[in-house]
Amino acid sequence: MSDAAELIAPAGECAVCKEQVQERLLVAVVEVGSGPGALVYGCLPCARTRARSPFAPPWLAEDLAVIDAERGGEAK
């Protein structure tokens, strides 16, 4: 199992809300038929919203649970 430090990406732009944030989390992996795919990173609030979607990858909720467990509750 990963720890929170391994799951959190460096500062940058949230792909969902477009804000500059200090912590981002992988929220989607875009696979394409040819050429390179893409990794999509979102801020923690956007990641939480996406995790509630039926289209969210199952590992997203698991990653958020790891972060919450290490931080003692819902990460802001």
PDB file of N, CA and C in Angstrom:
ATOM      1  N   MET A   1       0.841  -1.180   0.000  1.00  0.00           N
ATOM      2  CA  MET A   1       0.000   0.000   0.000  1.00  0.00           C
ATOM      3  C   MET A   1       0.885   1.243   0.000  1.00  0.00           C
ATOM      4  N   SER A   2       0.470   2.244  -0.729  1.00  0.00           N
ATOM      5  CA  SER A   2       1.219   3.495  -0.812  1.00  0.00           C
ATOM      6  C   SER A   2       0.950   4.356   0.410  1.00  0.00           C
ATOM      7  N   ASP A   3       1.878   5.272   0.664  1.00  0.00           N
ATOM      8  CA  ASP A   3       1.594   6.253   1.700  1.00  0.00           C
ATOM      9  C   ASP A   3       1.223   7.562   1.017  1.00  0.00           C
ATOM     10  N   ALA A   4       0.686   8.492   1.794  1.00  0.00           N
ATOM     11  CA  ALA A   4       0.170   9.743   1.239  1.00  0.00           C
ATOM     12  C   ALA A   4       1.225  10.505   0.450  1.00  0.00           C
ATOM     13  N   ALA A   5       2.462  10.497   0.914  1.00  0.00           N
ATOM     14  CA  ALA A   5       3.521  11.241   0.227  1.00  0.00           C
ATOM     15  C   ALA A   5       3.747  10.713  -1.188  1.00  0.00           C
ATOM     16  N   GLU A   6       3.551   9.423  -1.399  1.00  0.00           N
ATOM     17  CA  GLU A   6       3.721   8.847  -2.734  1.00  0.00           C
ATOM     18  C   GLU A   6       2.543   9.159  -3.650  1.00  0.00           C
ATOM     19  N   LEU A   7       1.388   9.428  -3.074  1.00  0.00           N
ATOM     20  CA  LEU A   7       0.186   9.669  -3.868  1.00  0.00           C
ATOM     21  C   LEU A   7       0.031  11.125  -4.288  1.00  0.00           C
ATOM     22  N   ILE A   8       0.565  12.031  -3.491  1.00  0.00           N
ATOM     23  CA  ILE A   8       0.421  13.461  -3.761  1.00  0.00           C
ATOM     24  C   ILE A   8       1.434  13.894  -4.813  1.00  0.00           C
ATOM     25  N   ALA A   9       0.935  14.554  -5.852  1.00  0.00           N
ATOM     26  CA  ALA A   9       1.799  15.074  -6.918  1.00  0.00           C
ATOM     27  C   ALA A   9       2.254  16.490  -6.548  1.00  0.00           C
ATOM     28  N   PRO A  10       3.331  16.955  -7.162  1.00  0.00           N
ATOM     29  CA  PRO A  10       3.819  18.313  -6.881  1.00  0.00           C
ATOM     30  C   PRO A  10       2.795  19.386  -7.254  1.00  0.00           C
ATOM     31  N   ALA A  11       3.052  20.583  -6.784  1.00  0.00           N
ATOM     32  CA  ALA A  11       2.173  21.721  -7.057  1.00  0.00           C
ATOM     33  C   ALA A  11       1.984  21.909  -8.557  1.00  0.00           C
ATOM     34  N   GLY A  12       0.836  22.434  -8.918  1.00  0.00           N
ATOM     35  CA  GLY A  12       0.532  22.690 -10.321  1.00  0.00           C
ATOM     36  C   GLY A  12      -0.934  23.035 -10.477  1.00  0.00           C
ATOM     37  N   GLU A  13      -1.418  22.948 -11.696  1.00  0.00           N
ATOM     38  CA  GLU A  13      -2.801  23.302 -11.984  1.00  0.00           C
ATOM     39  C   GLU A  13      -3.718  22.091 -11.845  1.00  0.00           C
ATOM     40  N   CYS A  14      -4.858  22.305 -11.192  1.00  0.00           N
ATOM     41  CA  CYS A  14      -5.893  21.275 -11.117  1.00  0.00           C
ATOM     42  C   CYS A  14      -6.563  21.204 -12.488  1.00  0.00           C
ATOM     43  N   ALA A  15      -6.670  20.013 -13.045  1.00  0.00           N
ATOM     44  CA  ALA A  15      -7.275  19.845 -14.365  1.00  0.00           C
ATOM     45  C   ALA A  15      -8.779  20.078 -14.345  1.00  0.00           C
ATOM     46  N   VAL A  16      -9.384  20.069 -13.161  1.00  0.00           N
ATOM     47  CA  VAL A  16     -10.829  20.221 -13.060  1.00  0.00           C
ATOM     48  C   VAL A  16     -11.217  21.683 -12.853  1.00  0.00           C
ATOM     49  N   CYS A  17     -10.709  22.307 -11.790  1.00  0.00           N
ATOM     50  CA  CYS A  17     -11.097  23.688 -11.467  1.00  0.00           C
ATOM     51  C   CYS A  17     -10.130  24.731 -12.018  1.00  0.00           C
ATOM     52  N   LYS A  18      -8.992  24.285 -12.539  1.00  0.00           N
ATOM     53  CA  LYS A  18      -7.973  25.143 -13.159  1.00  0.00           C
ATOM     54  C   LYS A  18      -7.242  26.062 -12.182  1.00  0.00           C
ATOM     55  N   GLU A  19      -7.384  25.830 -10.884  1.00  0.00           N
ATOM     56  CA  GLU A  19      -6.673  26.615  -9.872  1.00  0.00           C
ATOM     57  C   GLU A  19      -5.256  26.083  -9.706  1.00  0.00           C
ATOM     58  N   GLN A  20      -4.337  26.961  -9.335  1.00  0.00           N
ATOM     59  CA  GLN A  20      -2.984  26.544  -8.968  1.00  0.00           C
ATOM     60  C   GLN A  20      -3.042  26.058  -7.519  1.00  0.00           C
ATOM     61  N   VAL A  21      -2.600  24.834  -7.273  1.00  0.00           N
ATOM     62  CA  VAL A  21      -2.694  24.236  -5.941  1.00  0.00           C
ATOM     63  C   VAL A  21      -1.353  23.652  -5.528  1.00  0.00           C
ATOM     64  N   GLN A  22      -1.170  23.482  -4.233  1.00  0.00           N
ATOM     65  CA  GLN A  22       0.073  22.920  -3.703  1.00  0.00           C
ATOM     66  C   GLN A  22       0.093  21.401  -3.758  1.00  0.00           C
ATOM     67  N   GLU A  23      -1.090  20.780  -3.669  1.00  0.00           N
ATOM     68  CA  GLU A  23      -1.170  19.314  -3.680  1.00  0.00           C
ATOM     69  C   GLU A  23      -2.180  18.868  -4.732  1.00  0.00           C
ATOM     70  N   ARG A  24      -1.768  17.896  -5.528  1.00  0.00           N
ATOM     71  CA  ARG A  24      -2.661  17.324  -6.536  1.00  0.00           C
ATOM     72  C   ARG A  24      -2.632  15.809  -6.411  1.00  0.00           C
ATOM     73  N   LEU A  25      -3.691  15.193  -6.910  1.00  0.00           N
ATOM     74  CA  LEU A  25      -3.828  13.743  -6.857  1.00  0.00           C
ATOM     75  C   LEU A  25      -4.212  13.254  -8.250  1.00  0.00           C
ATOM     76  N   LEU A  26      -3.678  12.125  -8.651  1.00  0.00           N
ATOM     77  CA  LEU A  26      -4.052  11.540  -9.935  1.00  0.00           C
ATOM     78  C   LEU A  26      -5.533  11.183  -9.883  1.00  0.00           C
ATOM     79  N   VAL A  27      -6.337  11.732 -10.810  1.00  0.00           N
ATOM     80  CA  VAL A  27      -7.777  11.474 -10.807  1.00  0.00           C
ATOM     81  C   VAL A  27      -8.241  10.669 -12.016  1.00  0.00           C
ATOM     82  N   ALA A  28      -7.405  10.584 -13.051  1.00  0.00           N
ATOM     83  CA  ALA A  28      -7.790   9.821 -14.241  1.00  0.00           C
ATOM     84  C   ALA A  28      -6.557   9.484 -15.066  1.00  0.00           C
ATOM     85  N   VAL A  29      -6.663   8.392 -15.782  1.00  0.00           N
ATOM     86  CA  VAL A  29      -5.644   7.998 -16.750  1.00  0.00           C
ATOM     87  C   VAL A  29      -6.353   7.923 -18.099  1.00  0.00           C
ATOM     88  N   VAL A  30      -5.924   8.751 -19.030  1.00  0.00           N
ATOM     89  CA  VAL A  30      -6.534   8.784 -20.357  1.00  0.00           C
ATOM     90  C   VAL A  30      -5.761   7.826 -21.255  1.00  0.00           C
ATOM     91  N   GLU A  31      -6.458   6.822 -21.746  1.00  0.00           N
ATOM     92  CA  GLU A  31      -5.844   5.849 -22.648  1.00  0.00           C
ATOM     93  C   GLU A  31      -6.338   6.127 -24.062  1.00  0.00           C
ATOM     94  N   VAL A  32      -5.415   6.074 -25.015  1.00  0.00           N
ATOM     95  CA  VAL A  32      -5.767   6.336 -26.411  1.00  0.00           C
ATOM     96  C   VAL A  32      -5.313   5.166 -27.275  1.00  0.00           C
ATOM     97  N   GLY A  33      -5.901   5.067 -28.461  1.00  0.00           N
ATOM     98  CA  GLY A  33      -5.567   3.967 -29.351  1.00  0.00           C
ATOM     99  C   GLY A  33      -4.159   4.044 -29.902  1.00  0.00           C
ATOM    100  N   SER A  34      -3.698   5.244 -30.174  1.00  0.00           N
ATOM    101  CA  SER A  34      -2.332   5.416 -30.661  1.00  0.00           C
ATOM    102  C   SER A  34      -1.771   6.705 -30.078  1.00  0.00           C
ATOM    103  N   GLY A  35      -0.491   6.736 -29.912  1.00  0.00           N
ATOM    104  CA  GLY A  35       0.138   7.906 -29.309  1.00  0.00           C
ATOM    105  C   GLY A  35       0.111   7.818 -27.798  1.00  0.00           C
ATOM    106  N   PRO A  36       0.709   8.804 -27.166  1.00  0.00           N
ATOM    107  CA  PRO A  36       0.776   8.771 -25.705  1.00  0.00           C
ATOM    108  C   PRO A  36      -0.567   9.102 -25.062  1.00  0.00           C
ATOM    109  N   GLY A  37      -0.850   8.460 -23.973  1.00  0.00           N
ATOM    110  CA  GLY A  37      -2.025   8.778 -23.185  1.00  0.00           C
ATOM    111  C   GLY A  37      -1.716   9.973 -22.305  1.00  0.00           C
ATOM    112  N   ALA A  38      -2.490  10.153 -21.260  1.00  0.00           N
ATOM    113  CA  ALA A  38      -2.264  11.290 -20.373  1.00  0.00           C
ATOM    114  C   ALA A  38      -2.656  10.929 -18.946  1.00  0.00           C
ATOM    115  N   LEU A  39      -1.998  11.576 -18.007  1.00  0.00           N
ATOM    116  CA  LEU A  39      -2.362  11.478 -16.599  1.00  0.00           C
ATOM    117  C   LEU A  39      -3.033  12.790 -16.227  1.00  0.00           C
ATOM    118  N   VAL A  40      -4.173  12.707 -15.559  1.00  0.00           N
ATOM    119  CA  VAL A  40      -4.948  13.889 -15.195  1.00  0.00           C
ATOM    120  C   VAL A  40      -4.879  14.057 -13.680  1.00  0.00           C
ATOM    121  N   TYR A  41      -4.428  15.229 -13.242  1.00  0.00           N
ATOM    122  CA  TYR A  41      -4.278  15.513 -11.818  1.00  0.00           C
ATOM    123  C   TYR A  41      -5.280  16.566 -11.381  1.00  0.00           C
ATOM    124  N   GLY A  42      -5.867  16.362 -10.200  1.00  0.00           N
ATOM    125  CA  GLY A  42      -6.816  17.317  -9.646  1.00  0.00           C
ATOM    126  C   GLY A  42      -6.472  17.644  -8.207  1.00  0.00           C
ATOM    127  N   CYS A  43      -6.976  18.782  -7.738  1.00  0.00           N
ATOM    128  CA  CYS A  43      -6.788  19.148  -6.332  1.00  0.00           C
ATOM    129  C   CYS A  43      -7.607  18.179  -5.469  1.00  0.00           C
ATOM    130  N   LEU A  44      -7.335  18.158  -4.187  1.00  0.00           N
ATOM    131  CA  LEU A  44      -8.028  17.202  -3.311  1.00  0.00           C
ATOM    132  C   LEU A  44      -9.539  17.419  -3.284  1.00  0.00           C
ATOM    133  N   PRO A  45     -10.049  18.665  -3.202  1.00  0.00           N
ATOM    134  CA  PRO A  45     -11.512  18.821  -3.239  1.00  0.00           C
ATOM    135  C   PRO A  45     -12.134  18.302  -4.543  1.00  0.00           C
ATOM    136  N   CYS A  46     -11.506  18.575  -5.673  1.00  0.00           N
ATOM    137  CA  CYS A  46     -12.025  18.073  -6.952  1.00  0.00           C
ATOM    138  C   CYS A  46     -11.898  16.553  -7.030  1.00  0.00           C
ATOM    139  N   ALA A  47     -10.829  16.002  -6.471  1.00  0.00           N
ATOM    140  CA  ALA A  47     -10.652  14.548  -6.456  1.00  0.00           C
ATOM    141  C   ALA A  47     -11.760  13.889  -5.637  1.00  0.00           C
ATOM    142  N   ARG A  48     -12.136  14.505  -4.520  1.00  0.00           N
ATOM    143  CA  ARG A  48     -13.222  13.957  -3.690  1.00  0.00           C
ATOM    144  C   ARG A  48     -14.549  13.966  -4.446  1.00  0.00           C
ATOM    145  N   THR A  49     -14.803  15.045  -5.162  1.00  0.00           N
ATOM    146  CA  THR A  49     -16.030  15.124  -5.952  1.00  0.00           C
ATOM    147  C   THR A  49     -16.022  14.057  -7.040  1.00  0.00           C
ATOM    148  N   ARG A  50     -14.909  13.919  -7.718  1.00  0.00           N
ATOM    149  CA  ARG A  50     -14.804  12.923  -8.796  1.00  0.00           C
ATOM    150  C   ARG A  50     -14.934  11.505  -8.254  1.00  0.00           C
ATOM    151  N   ALA A  51     -14.409  11.247  -7.071  1.00  0.00           N
ATOM    152  CA  ALA A  51     -14.461   9.901  -6.487  1.00  0.00           C
ATOM    153  C   ALA A  51     -15.897   9.444  -6.240  1.00  0.00           C
ATOM    154  N   ARG A  52     -16.819  10.381  -6.071  1.00  0.00           N
ATOM    155  CA  ARG A  52     -18.230  10.034  -5.852  1.00  0.00           C
ATOM    156  C   ARG A  52     -18.968   9.718  -7.153  1.00  0.00           C
ATOM    157  N   SER A  53     -18.330   9.974  -8.281  1.00  0.00           N
ATOM    158  CA  SER A  53     -18.948   9.725  -9.583  1.00  0.00           C
ATOM    159  C   SER A  53     -18.913   8.233  -9.911  1.00  0.00           C
ATOM    160  N   PRO A  54     -19.954   7.733 -10.571  1.00  0.00           N
ATOM    161  CA  PRO A  54     -19.920   6.327 -10.974  1.00  0.00           C
ATOM    162  C   PRO A  54     -18.859   6.042 -12.042  1.00  0.00           C
ATOM    163  N   PHE A  55     -18.327   7.087 -12.655  1.00  0.00           N
ATOM    164  CA  PHE A  55     -17.313   6.921 -13.699  1.00  0.00           C
ATOM    165  C   PHE A  55     -15.889   7.038 -13.167  1.00  0.00           C
ATOM    166  N   ALA A  56     -15.750   7.283 -11.873  1.00  0.00           N
ATOM    167  CA  ALA A  56     -14.417   7.431 -11.277  1.00  0.00           C
ATOM    168  C   ALA A  56     -13.705   6.083 -11.214  1.00  0.00           C
ATOM    169  N   PRO A  57     -12.393   6.088 -11.386  1.00  0.00           N
ATOM    170  CA  PRO A  57     -11.650   4.831 -11.237  1.00  0.00           C
ATOM    171  C   PRO A  57     -11.719   4.358  -9.785  1.00  0.00           C
ATOM    172  N   PRO A  58     -11.806   3.054  -9.551  1.00  0.00           N
ATOM    173  CA  PRO A  58     -11.947   2.544  -8.184  1.00  0.00           C
ATOM    174  C   PRO A  58     -10.770   2.896  -7.282  1.00  0.00           C
ATOM    175  N   TRP A  59      -9.589   3.062  -7.842  1.00  0.00           N
ATOM    176  CA  TRP A  59      -8.419   3.370  -7.026  1.00  0.00           C
ATOM    177  C   TRP A  59      -8.442   4.792  -6.477  1.00  0.00           C
ATOM    178  N   LEU A  60      -9.255   5.675  -7.039  1.00  0.00           N
ATOM    179  CA  LEU A  60      -9.283   7.058  -6.556  1.00  0.00           C
ATOM    180  C   LEU A  60      -9.799   7.127  -5.116  1.00  0.00           C
ATOM    181  N   ALA A  61     -10.890   6.451  -4.823  1.00  0.00           N
ATOM    182  CA  ALA A  61     -11.424   6.439  -3.456  1.00  0.00           C
ATOM    183  C   ALA A  61     -10.433   5.788  -2.494  1.00  0.00           C
ATOM    184  N   GLU A  62      -9.740   4.755  -2.959  1.00  0.00           N
ATOM    185  CA  GLU A  62      -8.737   4.090  -2.118  1.00  0.00           C
ATOM    186  C   GLU A  62      -7.577   5.034  -1.803  1.00  0.00           C
ATOM    187  N   ASP A  63      -7.115   5.784  -2.804  1.00  0.00           N
ATOM    188  CA  ASP A  63      -6.026   6.741  -2.579  1.00  0.00           C
ATOM    189  C   ASP A  63      -6.442   7.826  -1.593  1.00  0.00           C
ATOM    190  N   LEU A  64      -7.663   8.327  -1.729  1.00  0.00           N
ATOM    191  CA  LEU A  64      -8.154   9.347  -0.793  1.00  0.00           C
ATOM    192  C   LEU A  64      -8.256   8.783   0.625  1.00  0.00           C
ATOM    193  N   ALA A  65      -8.649   7.514   0.753  1.00  0.00           N
ATOM    194  CA  ALA A  65      -8.736   6.886   2.074  1.00  0.00           C
ATOM    195  C   ALA A  65      -7.364   6.786   2.725  1.00  0.00           C
ATOM    196  N   VAL A  66      -6.331   6.490   1.938  1.00  0.00           N
ATOM    197  CA  VAL A  66      -4.962   6.426   2.469  1.00  0.00           C
ATOM    198  C   VAL A  66      -4.535   7.801   2.973  1.00  0.00           C
ATOM    199  N   ILE A  67      -4.807   8.827   2.190  1.00  0.00           N
ATOM    200  CA  ILE A  67      -4.445  10.193   2.588  1.00  0.00           C
ATOM    201  C   ILE A  67      -5.184  10.570   3.867  1.00  0.00           C
ATOM    202  N   ASP A  68      -6.484  10.287   3.927  1.00  0.00           N
ATOM    203  CA  ASP A  68      -7.275  10.607   5.122  1.00  0.00           C
ATOM    204  C   ASP A  68      -6.761   9.875   6.350  1.00  0.00           C
ATOM    205  N   ALA A  69      -6.423   8.602   6.198  1.00  0.00           N
ATOM    206  CA  ALA A  69      -5.947   7.810   7.336  1.00  0.00           C
ATOM    207  C   ALA A  69      -4.646   8.382   7.893  1.00  0.00           C
ATOM    208  N   GLU A  70      -3.761   8.805   7.019  1.00  0.00           N
ATOM    209  CA  GLU A  70      -2.482   9.355   7.481  1.00  0.00           C
ATOM    210  C   GLU A  70      -2.621  10.746   8.079  1.00  0.00           C
ATOM    211  N   ARG A  71      -3.606  11.488   7.603  1.00  0.00           N
ATOM    212  CA  ARG A  71      -3.774  12.870   8.072  1.00  0.00           C
ATOM    213  C   ARG A  71      -4.801  12.991   9.186  1.00  0.00           C
ATOM    214  N   GLY A  72      -5.415  11.895   9.549  1.00  0.00           N
ATOM    215  CA  GLY A  72      -6.367  11.916  10.651  1.00  0.00           C
ATOM    216  C   GLY A  72      -7.712  12.519  10.304  1.00  0.00           C
ATOM    217  N   GLY A  73      -8.187  12.289   9.112  1.00  0.00           N
ATOM    218  CA  GLY A  73      -9.488  12.809   8.700  1.00  0.00           C
ATOM    219  C   GLY A  73      -9.451  13.278   7.277  1.00  0.00           C
ATOM    220  N   GLU A  74     -10.530  13.903   6.866  1.00  0.00           N
ATOM    221  CA  GLU A  74     -10.630  14.371   5.488  1.00  0.00           C
ATOM    222  C   GLU A  74      -9.625  15.474   5.226  1.00  0.00           C
ATOM    223  N   ALA A  75      -8.774  15.262   4.240  1.00  0.00           N
ATOM    224  CA  ALA A  75      -7.760  16.267   3.873  1.00  0.00           C
ATOM    225  C   ALA A  75      -8.438  17.429   3.176  1.00  0.00           C
ATOM    226  N   LYS A  76      -8.019  18.605   3.501  1.00  0.00           N
ATOM    227  CA  LYS A  76      -8.601  19.812   2.890  1.00  0.00           C
ATOM    228  C   LYS A  76      -7.719  20.331   1.803  1.00  0.00           C
TER     229      LYS A  76
END
